[in-house]
């Protein structure tokens, strides 16, 4: 199976760049999630509860945008 994306440049340059950088954004979000998880597991309050809140917010935003890690 093959898939192709077509962009009209330069009008759709931003959309083109977004498509090309998708894997980088995923890596950023995964690293953020790992850092927050580590903070939850290994930190004292209030850092652990703040990290829990941020991680829950992250997963809420992912769900609302119908993407997952």
N, C-alpha and C. Protein backbone atom coordinates (compact mmCIF):
# COMPACT_ATOMS: atom_id res chain seq x y z
N UNK A 1 0.85 -1.17 0.00
CA UNK A 1 0.00 0.00 0.00
C UNK A 1 0.89 1.24 0.00
N UNK A 2 0.52 2.21 -0.77
CA UNK A 2 1.23 3.47 -0.82
C UNK A 2 0.25 4.60 -0.56
N UNK A 3 0.77 5.67 0.00
CA UNK A 3 -0.03 6.87 0.22
C UNK A 3 0.80 8.07 -0.23
N UNK A 4 0.13 9.03 -0.81
CA UNK A 4 0.80 10.24 -1.27
C UNK A 4 0.06 11.46 -0.76
N UNK A 5 0.82 12.47 -0.41
CA UNK A 5 0.27 13.76 -0.05
C UNK A 5 0.73 14.75 -1.10
N UNK A 6 -0.17 15.61 -1.51
CA UNK A 6 0.17 16.60 -2.53
C UNK A 6 -0.09 17.99 -1.98
N UNK A 7 0.88 18.87 -2.18
CA UNK A 7 0.76 20.24 -1.71
C UNK A 7 1.04 21.18 -2.86
N UNK A 8 0.34 22.30 -2.88
CA UNK A 8 0.59 23.35 -3.85
C UNK A 8 1.51 24.36 -3.18
N UNK A 9 2.75 24.39 -3.64
CA UNK A 9 3.73 25.29 -3.04
C UNK A 9 3.85 26.53 -3.92
N UNK A 10 4.04 27.69 -3.39
CA UNK A 10 4.34 27.99 -2.00
C UNK A 10 3.10 28.24 -1.14
N UNK A 11 1.91 28.20 -1.73
CA UNK A 11 0.69 28.52 -0.98
C UNK A 11 0.49 27.61 0.23
N UNK A 12 0.82 26.35 0.13
CA UNK A 12 0.62 25.39 1.22
C UNK A 12 1.93 24.99 1.89
N UNK A 13 2.87 25.91 1.91
CA UNK A 13 4.19 25.62 2.49
C UNK A 13 4.09 25.25 3.97
N UNK A 14 3.23 25.93 4.72
CA UNK A 14 3.10 25.62 6.15
C UNK A 14 2.54 24.22 6.36
N UNK A 15 1.53 23.86 5.60
CA UNK A 15 0.95 22.52 5.71
C UNK A 15 1.97 21.45 5.30
N UNK A 16 2.75 21.76 4.29
CA UNK A 16 3.80 20.85 3.83
C UNK A 16 4.83 20.63 4.94
N UNK A 17 5.28 21.70 5.57
CA UNK A 17 6.26 21.61 6.64
C UNK A 17 5.68 20.83 7.82
N UNK A 18 4.42 21.05 8.14
CA UNK A 18 3.76 20.32 9.23
C UNK A 18 3.76 18.83 8.94
N UNK A 19 3.45 18.45 7.72
CA UNK A 19 3.44 17.03 7.34
C UNK A 19 4.83 16.42 7.44
N UNK A 20 5.84 17.16 7.02
CA UNK A 20 7.20 16.65 7.08
C UNK A 20 7.71 16.51 8.51
N UNK A 21 7.28 17.39 9.40
CA UNK A 21 7.77 17.41 10.78
C UNK A 21 6.93 16.60 11.75
N UNK A 22 5.93 15.88 11.27
CA UNK A 22 5.04 15.14 12.16
C UNK A 22 5.77 14.19 13.10
N UNK A 23 6.75 13.46 12.59
CA UNK A 23 7.49 12.52 13.43
C UNK A 23 8.29 13.24 14.51
N UNK A 24 8.77 14.44 14.22
CA UNK A 24 9.51 15.21 15.22
C UNK A 24 8.59 15.66 16.35
N UNK A 25 7.38 16.09 15.98
CA UNK A 25 6.41 16.50 17.00
C UNK A 25 6.05 15.32 17.89
N UNK A 26 5.89 14.15 17.30
CA UNK A 26 5.57 12.96 18.09
C UNK A 26 6.70 12.68 19.09
N UNK A 27 7.94 12.80 18.64
CA UNK A 27 9.08 12.58 19.52
C UNK A 27 9.08 13.57 20.68
N UNK A 28 8.78 14.83 20.40
CA UNK A 28 8.72 15.87 21.44
C UNK A 28 7.67 15.51 22.49
N UNK A 29 6.49 15.11 22.04
CA UNK A 29 5.39 14.79 22.96
C UNK A 29 5.75 13.54 23.77
N UNK A 30 6.35 12.55 23.14
CA UNK A 30 6.76 11.34 23.87
C UNK A 30 7.79 11.65 24.95
N UNK A 31 8.76 12.50 24.62
CA UNK A 31 9.77 12.88 25.61
C UNK A 31 9.16 13.68 26.75
N UNK A 32 8.23 14.57 26.44
CA UNK A 32 7.53 15.32 27.48
C UNK A 32 6.77 14.37 28.40
N UNK A 33 6.06 13.41 27.82
CA UNK A 33 5.31 12.45 28.61
C UNK A 33 6.24 11.64 29.53
N UNK A 34 7.39 11.20 29.00
CA UNK A 34 8.35 10.44 29.82
C UNK A 34 8.88 11.29 30.97
N UNK A 35 9.18 12.55 30.69
CA UNK A 35 9.69 13.44 31.74
C UNK A 35 8.64 13.67 32.83
N UNK A 36 7.39 13.88 32.41
CA UNK A 36 6.31 14.07 33.39
C UNK A 36 6.10 12.80 34.20
N UNK A 37 6.13 11.65 33.56
CA UNK A 37 5.95 10.37 34.27
C UNK A 37 7.06 10.18 35.30
N UNK A 38 8.28 10.49 34.94
CA UNK A 38 9.40 10.38 35.87
C UNK A 38 9.23 11.32 37.06
N UNK A 39 8.76 12.53 36.78
CA UNK A 39 8.52 13.49 37.86
C UNK A 39 7.44 12.98 38.80
N UNK A 40 6.38 12.41 38.25
CA UNK A 40 5.30 11.86 39.08
C UNK A 40 5.85 10.76 39.98
N UNK A 41 6.68 9.88 39.43
CA UNK A 41 7.17 8.73 40.17
C UNK A 41 8.24 9.08 41.21
N UNK A 42 9.07 10.07 40.92
CA UNK A 42 10.27 10.27 41.73
C UNK A 42 10.35 11.61 42.47
N UNK A 43 9.31 12.42 42.40
CA UNK A 43 9.38 13.74 43.01
C UNK A 43 8.45 13.85 44.21
N UNK A 44 8.78 14.81 45.04
CA UNK A 44 7.95 15.16 46.19
C UNK A 44 6.88 16.14 45.73
N UNK A 45 5.89 16.33 46.60
CA UNK A 45 4.88 17.35 46.35
C UNK A 45 5.52 18.72 46.47
N UNK A 46 5.12 19.72 45.77
CA UNK A 46 3.98 19.78 44.87
C UNK A 46 4.31 19.36 43.44
N UNK A 47 5.60 19.03 43.18
CA UNK A 47 6.00 18.72 41.80
C UNK A 47 5.27 17.52 41.23
N UNK A 48 5.08 16.49 42.03
CA UNK A 48 4.41 15.28 41.54
C UNK A 48 2.96 15.58 41.14
N UNK A 49 2.25 16.35 41.96
CA UNK A 49 0.86 16.64 41.61
C UNK A 49 0.76 17.57 40.40
N UNK A 50 1.70 18.49 40.26
CA UNK A 50 1.71 19.36 39.08
C UNK A 50 2.01 18.55 37.81
N UNK A 51 2.94 17.61 37.94
CA UNK A 51 3.27 16.77 36.79
C UNK A 51 2.09 15.86 36.44
N UNK A 52 1.37 15.38 37.44
CA UNK A 52 0.18 14.56 37.19
C UNK A 52 -0.85 15.38 36.43
N UNK A 53 -1.08 16.61 36.88
CA UNK A 53 -2.03 17.50 36.20
C UNK A 53 -1.61 17.72 34.74
N UNK A 54 -0.33 18.01 34.52
CA UNK A 54 0.15 18.27 33.16
C UNK A 54 0.02 17.03 32.28
N UNK A 55 0.30 15.88 32.84
CA UNK A 55 0.20 14.63 32.07
C UNK A 55 -1.25 14.33 31.72
N UNK A 56 -2.16 14.56 32.66
CA UNK A 56 -3.59 14.36 32.37
C UNK A 56 -4.06 15.33 31.29
N UNK A 57 -3.60 16.57 31.36
CA UNK A 57 -3.95 17.55 30.34
C UNK A 57 -3.41 17.13 28.98
N UNK A 58 -2.18 16.66 28.94
CA UNK A 58 -1.59 16.19 27.70
C UNK A 58 -2.43 15.10 27.07
N UNK A 59 -2.84 14.11 27.87
CA UNK A 59 -3.64 13.01 27.33
C UNK A 59 -5.05 13.46 26.93
N UNK A 60 -5.59 14.45 27.61
CA UNK A 60 -6.89 15.00 27.22
C UNK A 60 -6.79 15.68 25.86
N UNK A 61 -5.75 16.46 25.66
CA UNK A 61 -5.57 17.15 24.38
C UNK A 61 -5.32 16.14 23.26
N UNK A 62 -4.54 15.11 23.52
CA UNK A 62 -4.32 14.06 22.52
C UNK A 62 -5.64 13.39 22.14
N UNK A 63 -6.46 13.08 23.15
CA UNK A 63 -7.74 12.43 22.90
C UNK A 63 -8.66 13.33 22.09
N UNK A 64 -8.72 14.61 22.46
CA UNK A 64 -9.58 15.54 21.75
C UNK A 64 -9.18 15.69 20.28
N UNK A 65 -7.92 15.49 20.00
CA UNK A 65 -7.42 15.60 18.63
C UNK A 65 -7.30 14.24 17.94
N UNK A 66 -7.83 13.22 18.63
CA UNK A 66 -7.89 11.86 18.08
C UNK A 66 -6.54 11.32 17.65
N UNK A 67 -5.53 11.55 18.51
CA UNK A 67 -4.21 10.97 18.30
C UNK A 67 -3.77 10.30 19.58
N UNK A 68 -2.85 9.36 19.46
CA UNK A 68 -2.36 8.66 20.65
C UNK A 68 -0.87 8.45 20.53
N UNK A 69 -0.25 8.16 21.66
CA UNK A 69 1.19 7.88 21.67
C UNK A 69 1.42 6.40 21.54
